[in-house]
All heavy atoms as atom14 arrays in JSON, in Angstrom:
{
  "sequence": "AWGWAYGFLLGTSLRREDWHPTIYASQMSEDGLLTPIL",
  "atom14_mask": [
    [1, 1, 1, 1, 1, 0, 0, 0, 0, 0, 0, 0, 0, 0],
    [1, 1, 1, 1, 1, 1, 1, 1, 1, 1, 1, 1, 1, 1],
    [1, 1, 1, 1, 0, 0, 0, 0, 0, 0, 0, 0, 0, 0],
    [1, 1, 1, 1, 1, 1, 1, 1, 1, 1, 1, 1, 1, 1],
    [1, 1, 1, 1, 1, 0, 0, 0, 0, 0, 0, 0, 0, 0],
    [1, 1, 1, 1, 1, 1, 1, 1, 1, 1, 1, 1, 0, 0],
    [1, 1, 1, 1, 0, 0, 0, 0, 0, 0, 0, 0, 0, 0],
    [1, 1, 1, 1, 1, 1, 1, 1, 1, 1, 1, 0, 0, 0],
    [1, 1, 1, 1, 1, 1, 1, 1, 0, 0, 0, 0, 0, 0],
    [1, 1, 1, 1, 1, 1, 1, 1, 0, 0, 0, 0, 0, 0],
    [1, 1, 1, 1, 0, 0, 0, 0, 0, 0, 0, 0, 0, 0],
    [1, 1, 1, 1, 1, 1, 1, 0, 0, 0, 0, 0, 0, 0],
    [1, 1, 1, 1, 1, 1, 0, 0, 0, 0, 0, 0, 0, 0],
    [1, 1, 1, 1, 1, 1, 1, 1, 0, 0, 0, 0, 0, 0],
    [1, 1, 1, 1, 1, 1, 1, 1, 1, 1, 1, 0, 0, 0],
    [1, 1, 1, 1, 1, 1, 1, 1, 1, 1, 1, 0, 0, 0],
    [1, 1, 1, 1, 1, 1, 1, 1, 1, 0, 0, 0, 0, 0],
    [1, 1, 1, 1, 1, 1, 1, 1, 0, 0, 0, 0, 0, 0],
    [1, 1, 1, 1, 1, 1, 1, 1, 1, 1, 1, 1, 1, 1],
    [1, 1, 1, 1, 1, 1, 1, 1, 1, 1, 0, 0, 0, 0],
    [1, 1, 1, 1, 1, 1, 1, 0, 0, 0, 0, 0, 0, 0],
    [1, 1, 1, 1, 1, 1, 1, 0, 0, 0, 0, 0, 0, 0],
    [1, 1, 1, 1, 1, 1, 1, 1, 0, 0, 0, 0, 0, 0],
    [1, 1, 1, 1, 1, 1, 1, 1, 1, 1, 1, 1, 0, 0],
    [1, 1, 1, 1, 1, 0, 0, 0, 0, 0, 0, 0, 0, 0],
    [1, 1, 1, 1, 1, 1, 0, 0, 0, 0, 0, 0, 0, 0],
    [1, 1, 1, 1, 1, 1, 1, 1, 1, 0, 0, 0, 0, 0],
    [1, 1, 1, 1, 1, 1, 1, 1, 0, 0, 0, 0, 0, 0],
    [1, 1, 1, 1, 1, 1, 0, 0, 0, 0, 0, 0, 0, 0],
    [1, 1, 1, 1, 1, 1, 1, 1, 1, 0, 0, 0, 0, 0],
    [1, 1, 1, 1, 1, 1, 1, 1, 0, 0, 0, 0, 0, 0],
    [1, 1, 1, 1, 0, 0, 0, 0, 0, 0, 0, 0, 0, 0],
    [1, 1, 1, 1, 1, 1, 1, 1, 0, 0, 0, 0, 0, 0],
    [1, 1, 1, 1, 1, 1, 1, 1, 0, 0, 0, 0, 0, 0],
    [1, 1, 1, 1, 1, 1, 1, 0, 0, 0, 0, 0, 0, 0],
    [1, 1, 1, 1, 1, 1, 1, 0, 0, 0, 0, 0, 0, 0],
    [1, 1, 1, 1, 1, 1, 1, 1, 0, 0, 0, 0, 0, 0],
    [1, 1, 1, 1, 1, 1, 1, 1, 0, 0, 0, 0, 0, 0]
  ],
  "atom14_positions": [
    [[-32.21, 32.34, -8.46], [-32.03, 30.92, -8.77], [-30.6, 30.43, -8.54], [-30.24, 29.35, -8.98], [-32.46, 30.62, -10.21], [0.0, 0.0, 0.0], [0.0, 0.0, 0.0], [0.0, 0.0, 0.0], [0.0, 0.0, 0.0], [0.0, 0.0, 0.0], [0.0, 0.0, 0.0], [0.0, 0.0, 0.0], [0.0, 0.0, 0.0], [0.0, 0.0, 0.0]],
    [[-29.8, 31.2, -7.83], [-28.42, 30.78, -7.56], [-28.38, 29.51, -6.72], [-27.56, 28.63, -6.96], [-27.66, 31.89, -6.84], [-27.42, 33.12, -7.66], [-27.57, 33.24, -9.02], [-26.99, 34.39, -7.18], [-27.25, 34.52, -9.41], [-26.89, 35.25, -8.3], [-26.68, 34.89, -5.92], [-26.49, 36.57, -8.19], [-26.28, 36.22, -5.8], [-26.19, 37.06, -6.93]],
    [[-29.24, 29.45, -5.71], [-29.25, 28.28, -4.85], [-29.62, 27.02, -5.6], [-29.02, 25.95, -5.4], [0.0, 0.0, 0.0], [0.0, 0.0, 0.0], [0.0, 0.0, 0.0], [0.0, 0.0, 0.0], [0.0, 0.0, 0.0], [0.0, 0.0, 0.0], [0.0, 0.0, 0.0], [0.0, 0.0, 0.0], [0.0, 0.0, 0.0], [0.0, 0.0, 0.0]],
    [[-30.58, 27.13, -6.5], [-31.01, 25.97, -7.28], [-29.87, 25.48, -8.17], [-29.61, 24.28, -8.25], [-32.24, 26.31, -8.13], [-32.93, 25.08, -8.65], [-33.95, 24.39, -8.05], [-32.63, 24.39, -9.87], [-34.31, 23.31, -8.82], [-33.51, 23.29, -9.94], [-31.71, 24.59, -10.89], [-33.49, 22.39, -11.01], [-31.69, 23.69, -11.95], [-32.58, 22.61, -12.0]],
    [[-29.2, 26.41, -8.84], [-28.08, 26.04, -9.7], [-26.96, 25.38, -8.88], [-26.38, 24.38, -9.3], [-27.55, 27.28, -10.43], [0.0, 0.0, 0.0], [0.0, 0.0, 0.0], [0.0, 0.0, 0.0], [0.0, 0.0, 0.0], [0.0, 0.0, 0.0], [0.0, 0.0, 0.0], [0.0, 0.0, 0.0], [0.0, 0.0, 0.0], [0.0, 0.0, 0.0]],
    [[-26.67, 25.95, -7.7], [-25.66, 25.36, -6.83], [-26.05, 23.95, -6.42], [-25.22, 23.03, -6.45], [-25.46, 26.23, -5.59], [-24.63, 25.56, -4.52], [-23.24, 25.47, -4.65], [-25.23, 24.99, -3.4], [-22.48, 24.82, -3.69], [-24.47, 24.34, -2.44], [-23.1, 24.26, -2.58], [-22.34, 23.61, -1.63], [0.0, 0.0, 0.0], [0.0, 0.0, 0.0]],
    [[-27.31, 23.77, -6.03], [-27.77, 22.44, -5.63], [-27.66, 21.44, -6.76], [-27.24, 20.29, -6.55], [0.0, 0.0, 0.0], [0.0, 0.0, 0.0], [0.0, 0.0, 0.0], [0.0, 0.0, 0.0], [0.0, 0.0, 0.0], [0.0, 0.0, 0.0], [0.0, 0.0, 0.0], [0.0, 0.0, 0.0], [0.0, 0.0, 0.0], [0.0, 0.0, 0.0]],
    [[-28.02, 21.86, -7.97], [-27.94, 20.95, -9.12], [-26.49, 20.54, -9.37], [-26.2, 19.34, -9.54], [-28.52, 21.62, -10.37], [-28.7, 20.67, -11.52], [-29.93, 20.1, -11.77], [-27.64, 20.35, -12.37], [-30.12, 19.2, -12.83], [-27.8, 19.47, -13.42], [-29.04, 18.9, -13.65], [0.0, 0.0, 0.0], [0.0, 0.0, 0.0], [0.0, 0.0, 0.0]],
    [[-25.59, 21.5, -9.37], [-24.18, 21.18, -9.62], [-23.59, 20.36, -8.48], [-22.71, 19.52, -8.71], [-23.39, 22.46, -9.86], [-23.78, 23.22, -11.14], [-23.02, 24.53, -11.24], [-23.55, 22.36, -12.38], [0.0, 0.0, 0.0], [0.0, 0.0, 0.0], [0.0, 0.0, 0.0], [0.0, 0.0, 0.0], [0.0, 0.0, 0.0], [0.0, 0.0, 0.0]],
    [[-24.08, 20.58, -7.27], [-23.65, 19.73, -6.15], [-24.07, 18.28, -6.41], [-23.3, 17.35, -6.15], [-24.28, 20.24, -4.85], [-23.95, 19.45, -3.57], [-22.45, 19.5, -3.26], [-24.75, 20.01, -2.39], [0.0, 0.0, 0.0], [0.0, 0.0, 0.0], [0.0, 0.0, 0.0], [0.0, 0.0, 0.0], [0.0, 0.0, 0.0], [0.0, 0.0, 0.0]],
    [[-25.26, 18.11, -6.95], [-25.72, 16.76, -7.3], [-24.86, 16.12, -8.37], [-24.53, 14.93, -8.29], [0.0, 0.0, 0.0], [0.0, 0.0, 0.0], [0.0, 0.0, 0.0], [0.0, 0.0, 0.0], [0.0, 0.0, 0.0], [0.0, 0.0, 0.0], [0.0, 0.0, 0.0], [0.0, 0.0, 0.0], [0.0, 0.0, 0.0], [0.0, 0.0, 0.0]],
    [[-24.46, 16.9, -9.38], [-23.61, 16.34, -10.43], [-22.24, 15.94, -9.89], [-21.6, 15.04, -10.42], [-23.43, 17.33, -11.6], [-22.65, 18.45, -11.18], [-24.76, 17.79, -12.15], [0.0, 0.0, 0.0], [0.0, 0.0, 0.0], [0.0, 0.0, 0.0], [0.0, 0.0, 0.0], [0.0, 0.0, 0.0], [0.0, 0.0, 0.0], [0.0, 0.0, 0.0]],
    [[-21.8, 16.61, -8.82], [-20.46, 16.32, -8.28], [-20.37, 14.92, -7.69], [-19.27, 14.39, -7.53], [-20.08, 17.36, -7.22], [-20.82, 17.17, -6.02], [0.0, 0.0, 0.0], [0.0, 0.0, 0.0], [0.0, 0.0, 0.0], [0.0, 0.0, 0.0], [0.0, 0.0, 0.0], [0.0, 0.0, 0.0], [0.0, 0.0, 0.0], [0.0, 0.0, 0.0]],
    [[-21.52, 14.3, -7.38], [-21.49, 12.94, -6.85], [-21.19, 11.91, -7.95], [-20.85, 10.77, -7.63], [-22.84, 12.6, -6.18], [-23.21, 13.47, -4.99], [-24.49, 12.95, -4.34], [-22.09, 13.52, -3.95], [0.0, 0.0, 0.0], [0.0, 0.0, 0.0], [0.0, 0.0, 0.0], [0.0, 0.0, 0.0], [0.0, 0.0, 0.0], [0.0, 0.0, 0.0]],
    [[-21.34, 12.33, -9.2], [-20.99, 11.48, -10.33], [-20.25, 12.33, -11.36], [-20.59, 12.39, -12.53], [-22.23, 10.84, -10.94], [-22.89, 9.78, -10.08], [-21.97, 8.57, -9.9], [-22.59, 7.53, -9.08], [-22.49, 7.45, -7.75], [-21.81, 8.38, -7.09], [-23.06, 6.47, -7.09], [0.0, 0.0, 0.0], [0.0, 0.0, 0.0], [0.0, 0.0, 0.0]],
    [[-19.2, 12.98, -10.89], [-18.49, 13.97, -11.69], [-18.02, 13.41, -13.05], [-18.17, 14.06, -14.09], [-17.27, 14.48, -10.9], [-16.64, 15.75, -11.46], [-15.46, 16.16, -10.6], [-15.81, 16.3, -9.2], [-16.32, 17.41, -8.68], [-16.55, 18.45, -9.46], [-16.6, 17.47, -7.39], [0.0, 0.0, 0.0], [0.0, 0.0, 0.0], [0.0, 0.0, 0.0]],
    [[-17.46, 12.21, -13.03], [-16.93, 11.63, -14.27], [-18.04, 11.38, -15.28], [-17.88, 11.62, -16.49], [-16.2, 10.32, -13.96], [-15.52, 9.71, -15.16], [-14.69, 8.48, -14.81], [-14.29, 8.36, -13.63], [-14.44, 7.65, -15.7], [0.0, 0.0, 0.0], [0.0, 0.0, 0.0], [0.0, 0.0, 0.0], [0.0, 0.0, 0.0], [0.0, 0.0, 0.0]],
    [[-19.19, 10.89, -14.81], [-20.3, 10.61, -15.72], [-20.9, 11.88, -16.31], [-21.41, 11.88, -17.44], [-21.39, 9.82, -14.98], [-20.91, 8.46, -14.52], [-20.06, 7.87, -15.22], [-21.35, 7.99, -13.46], [0.0, 0.0, 0.0], [0.0, 0.0, 0.0], [0.0, 0.0, 0.0], [0.0, 0.0, 0.0], [0.0, 0.0, 0.0], [0.0, 0.0, 0.0]],
    [[-20.88, 12.95, -15.53], [-21.44, 14.22, -15.99], [-20.46, 15.04, -16.83], [-20.86, 16.0, -17.51], [-21.86, 15.07, -14.78], [-23.21, 14.78, -14.24], [-23.53, 14.1, -13.1], [-24.47, 15.19, -14.8], [-24.89, 14.06, -12.91], [-25.49, 14.73, -13.93], [-24.83, 15.92, -15.93], [-26.84, 14.96, -14.18], [-26.18, 16.15, -16.18], [-27.17, 15.67, -15.31]],
    [[-19.18, 14.69, -16.78], [-18.15, 15.54, -17.4], [-18.43, 15.88, -18.86], [-18.32, 17.07, -19.23], [-16.78, 14.89, -17.27], [-15.69, 15.67, -17.95], [-15.2, 16.87, -17.45], [-15.02, 15.45, -19.13], [-14.28, 17.34, -18.28], [-14.16, 16.5, -19.3], [0.0, 0.0, 0.0], [0.0, 0.0, 0.0], [0.0, 0.0, 0.0], [0.0, 0.0, 0.0]],
    [[-18.79, 14.92, -19.73], [-19.01, 15.3, -21.14], [-20.11, 16.34, -21.31], [-19.99, 17.26, -22.12], [-19.39, 13.97, -21.8], [-18.8, 12.92, -20.92], [-18.92, 13.46, -19.53], [0.0, 0.0, 0.0], [0.0, 0.0, 0.0], [0.0, 0.0, 0.0], [0.0, 0.0, 0.0], [0.0, 0.0, 0.0], [0.0, 0.0, 0.0], [0.0, 0.0, 0.0]],
    [[-21.19, 16.2, -20.54], [-22.31, 17.14, -20.67], [-21.93, 18.51, -20.12], [-22.28, 19.55, -20.71], [-23.54, 16.6, -19.91], [-23.83, 15.28, -20.37], [-24.76, 17.49, -20.14], [0.0, 0.0, 0.0], [0.0, 0.0, 0.0], [0.0, 0.0, 0.0], [0.0, 0.0, 0.0], [0.0, 0.0, 0.0], [0.0, 0.0, 0.0], [0.0, 0.0, 0.0]],
    [[-21.21, 18.53, -19.01], [-20.78, 19.8, -18.43], [-19.79, 20.51, -19.36], [-19.9, 21.71, -19.61], [-20.16, 19.58, -17.04], [-21.26, 19.16, -16.05], [-19.46, 20.86, -16.54], [-20.73, 18.82, -14.67], [0.0, 0.0, 0.0], [0.0, 0.0, 0.0], [0.0, 0.0, 0.0], [0.0, 0.0, 0.0], [0.0, 0.0, 0.0], [0.0, 0.0, 0.0]],
    [[-18.84, 19.75, -19.88], [-17.84, 20.34, -20.78], [-18.51, 20.91, -22.03], [-18.2, 22.04, -22.45], [-16.8, 19.29, -21.18], [-15.74, 19.83, -22.11], [-14.72, 20.64, -21.62], [-15.78, 19.56, -23.48], [-13.75, 21.16, -22.47], [-14.82, 20.07, -24.34], [-13.8, 20.87, -23.83], [-12.86, 21.39, -24.68], [0.0, 0.0, 0.0], [0.0, 0.0, 0.0]],
    [[-19.44, 20.15, -22.61], [-20.14, 20.63, -23.81], [-20.93, 21.9, -23.51], [-21.0, 22.82, -24.34], [-21.08, 19.54, -24.34], [0.0, 0.0, 0.0], [0.0, 0.0, 0.0], [0.0, 0.0, 0.0], [0.0, 0.0, 0.0], [0.0, 0.0, 0.0], [0.0, 0.0, 0.0], [0.0, 0.0, 0.0], [0.0, 0.0, 0.0], [0.0, 0.0, 0.0]],
    [[-21.5, 21.96, -22.32], [-22.28, 23.14, -21.93], [-21.41, 24.35, -21.64], [-21.84, 25.49, -21.8], [-23.14, 22.81, -20.71], [-24.07, 21.77, -21.0], [0.0, 0.0, 0.0], [0.0, 0.0, 0.0], [0.0, 0.0, 0.0], [0.0, 0.0, 0.0], [0.0, 0.0, 0.0], [0.0, 0.0, 0.0], [0.0, 0.0, 0.0], [0.0, 0.0, 0.0]],
    [[-20.18, 24.11, -21.21], [-19.24, 25.21, -21.0], [-18.79, 25.82, -22.32], [-18.47, 27.0, -22.4], [-18.01, 24.7, -20.23], [-18.28, 24.36, -18.78], [-17.1, 23.7, -18.12], [-16.32, 22.98, -18.77], [-16.93, 23.92, -16.82], [0.0, 0.0, 0.0], [0.0, 0.0, 0.0], [0.0, 0.0, 0.0], [0.0, 0.0, 0.0], [0.0, 0.0, 0.0]],
    [[-18.8, 24.98, -23.36], [-18.29, 25.41, -24.65], [-19.38, 25.97, -25.57], [-19.07, 26.47, -26.66], [-17.62, 24.21, -25.36], [-16.4, 23.66, -24.64], [-15.01, 24.85, -24.59], [-15.09, 25.39, -22.88], [0.0, 0.0, 0.0], [0.0, 0.0, 0.0], [0.0, 0.0, 0.0], [0.0, 0.0, 0.0], [0.0, 0.0, 0.0], [0.0, 0.0, 0.0]],
    [[-20.64, 25.86, -25.16], [-21.74, 26.25, -26.05], [-22.79, 27.06, -25.31], [-23.02, 26.86, -24.12], [-22.38, 24.99, -26.64], [-23.58, 25.3, -27.33], [0.0, 0.0, 0.0], [0.0, 0.0, 0.0], [0.0, 0.0, 0.0], [0.0, 0.0, 0.0], [0.0, 0.0, 0.0], [0.0, 0.0, 0.0], [0.0, 0.0, 0.0], [0.0, 0.0, 0.0]],
    [[-23.44, 27.95, -26.03], [-24.56, 28.71, -25.47], [-25.82, 27.87, -25.42], [-26.81, 28.24, -24.77], [-24.81, 29.97, -26.31], [-23.8, 31.07, -26.11], [-23.93, 31.71, -24.73], [-25.06, 31.88, -24.25], [-22.88, 32.03, -24.14], [0.0, 0.0, 0.0], [0.0, 0.0, 0.0], [0.0, 0.0, 0.0], [0.0, 0.0, 0.0], [0.0, 0.0, 0.0]],
    [[-25.82, 26.73, -26.11], [-27.02, 25.9, -26.22], [-26.88, 24.56, -25.51], [-27.68, 23.65, -25.76], [-27.36, 25.66, -27.7], [-27.6, 26.96, -28.45], [-28.28, 27.83, -27.88], [-27.13, 27.09, -29.59], [0.0, 0.0, 0.0], [0.0, 0.0, 0.0], [0.0, 0.0, 0.0], [0.0, 0.0, 0.0], [0.0, 0.0, 0.0], [0.0, 0.0, 0.0]],
    [[-25.89, 24.41, -24.65], [-25.73, 23.15, -23.94], [-26.88, 22.9, -22.97], [-27.52, 23.84, -22.48], [0.0, 0.0, 0.0], [0.0, 0.0, 0.0], [0.0, 0.0, 0.0], [0.0, 0.0, 0.0], [0.0, 0.0, 0.0], [0.0, 0.0, 0.0], [0.0, 0.0, 0.0], [0.0, 0.0, 0.0], [0.0, 0.0, 0.0], [0.0, 0.0, 0.0]],
    [[-27.13, 21.65, -22.67], [-28.25, 21.31, -21.79], [-28.07, 21.87, -20.38], [-29.05, 22.08, -19.67], [-28.41, 19.78, -21.74], [-28.96, 19.13, -23.01], [-28.89, 17.62, -22.93], [-30.4, 19.59, -23.26], [0.0, 0.0, 0.0], [0.0, 0.0, 0.0], [0.0, 0.0, 0.0], [0.0, 0.0, 0.0], [0.0, 0.0, 0.0], [0.0, 0.0, 0.0]],
    [[-26.83, 22.1, -19.98], [-26.57, 22.64, -18.64], [-26.09, 24.1, -18.68], [-25.77, 24.66, -17.63], [-25.52, 21.78, -17.92], [-25.87, 20.32, -17.67], [-24.77, 19.64, -16.87], [-27.2, 20.17, -16.95], [0.0, 0.0, 0.0], [0.0, 0.0, 0.0], [0.0, 0.0, 0.0], [0.0, 0.0, 0.0], [0.0, 0.0, 0.0], [0.0, 0.0, 0.0]],
    [[-26.04, 24.69, -19.87], [-25.49, 26.04, -20.0], [-26.17, 27.06, -19.07], [-25.48, 27.8, -18.35], [-25.55, 26.52, -21.45], [-24.78, 25.63, -22.28], [-25.0, 27.93, -21.59], [0.0, 0.0, 0.0], [0.0, 0.0, 0.0], [0.0, 0.0, 0.0], [0.0, 0.0, 0.0], [0.0, 0.0, 0.0], [0.0, 0.0, 0.0], [0.0, 0.0, 0.0]],
    [[-27.5, 27.14, -19.03], [-28.11, 28.16, -18.16], [-27.83, 27.9, -16.67], [-27.7, 28.86, -15.9], [-29.61, 28.06, -18.47], [-29.8, 26.73, -19.11], [-28.52, 26.43, -19.82], [0.0, 0.0, 0.0], [0.0, 0.0, 0.0], [0.0, 0.0, 0.0], [0.0, 0.0, 0.0], [0.0, 0.0, 0.0], [0.0, 0.0, 0.0], [0.0, 0.0, 0.0]],
    [[-27.71, 26.65, -16.28], [-27.39, 26.33, -14.88], [-25.98, 26.78, -14.55], [-25.73, 27.39, -13.51], [-27.56, 24.82, -14.62], [-29.01, 24.4, -14.86], [-27.11, 24.45, -13.21], [-29.26, 22.9, -14.77], [0.0, 0.0, 0.0], [0.0, 0.0, 0.0], [0.0, 0.0, 0.0], [0.0, 0.0, 0.0], [0.0, 0.0, 0.0], [0.0, 0.0, 0.0]],
    [[-25.05, 26.51, -15.45], [-23.67, 26.94, -15.26], [-23.58, 28.46, -15.21], [-22.85, 29.03, -14.38], [-22.79, 26.38, -16.38], [-22.55, 24.88, -16.37], [-21.88, 24.44, -17.68], [-21.69, 24.47, -15.18], [0.0, 0.0, 0.0], [0.0, 0.0, 0.0], [0.0, 0.0, 0.0], [0.0, 0.0, 0.0], [0.0, 0.0, 0.0], [0.0, 0.0, 0.0]]
  ]
}
């Protein structure tokens, strides 16, 4: 599933600022909505 995760994060990069709070929260937690993708 590496390719899928890469594709998803590539999609978030088109709106990096809007996604930043969710990505940051997921980096800091095991239960973040994006944690398994990261």
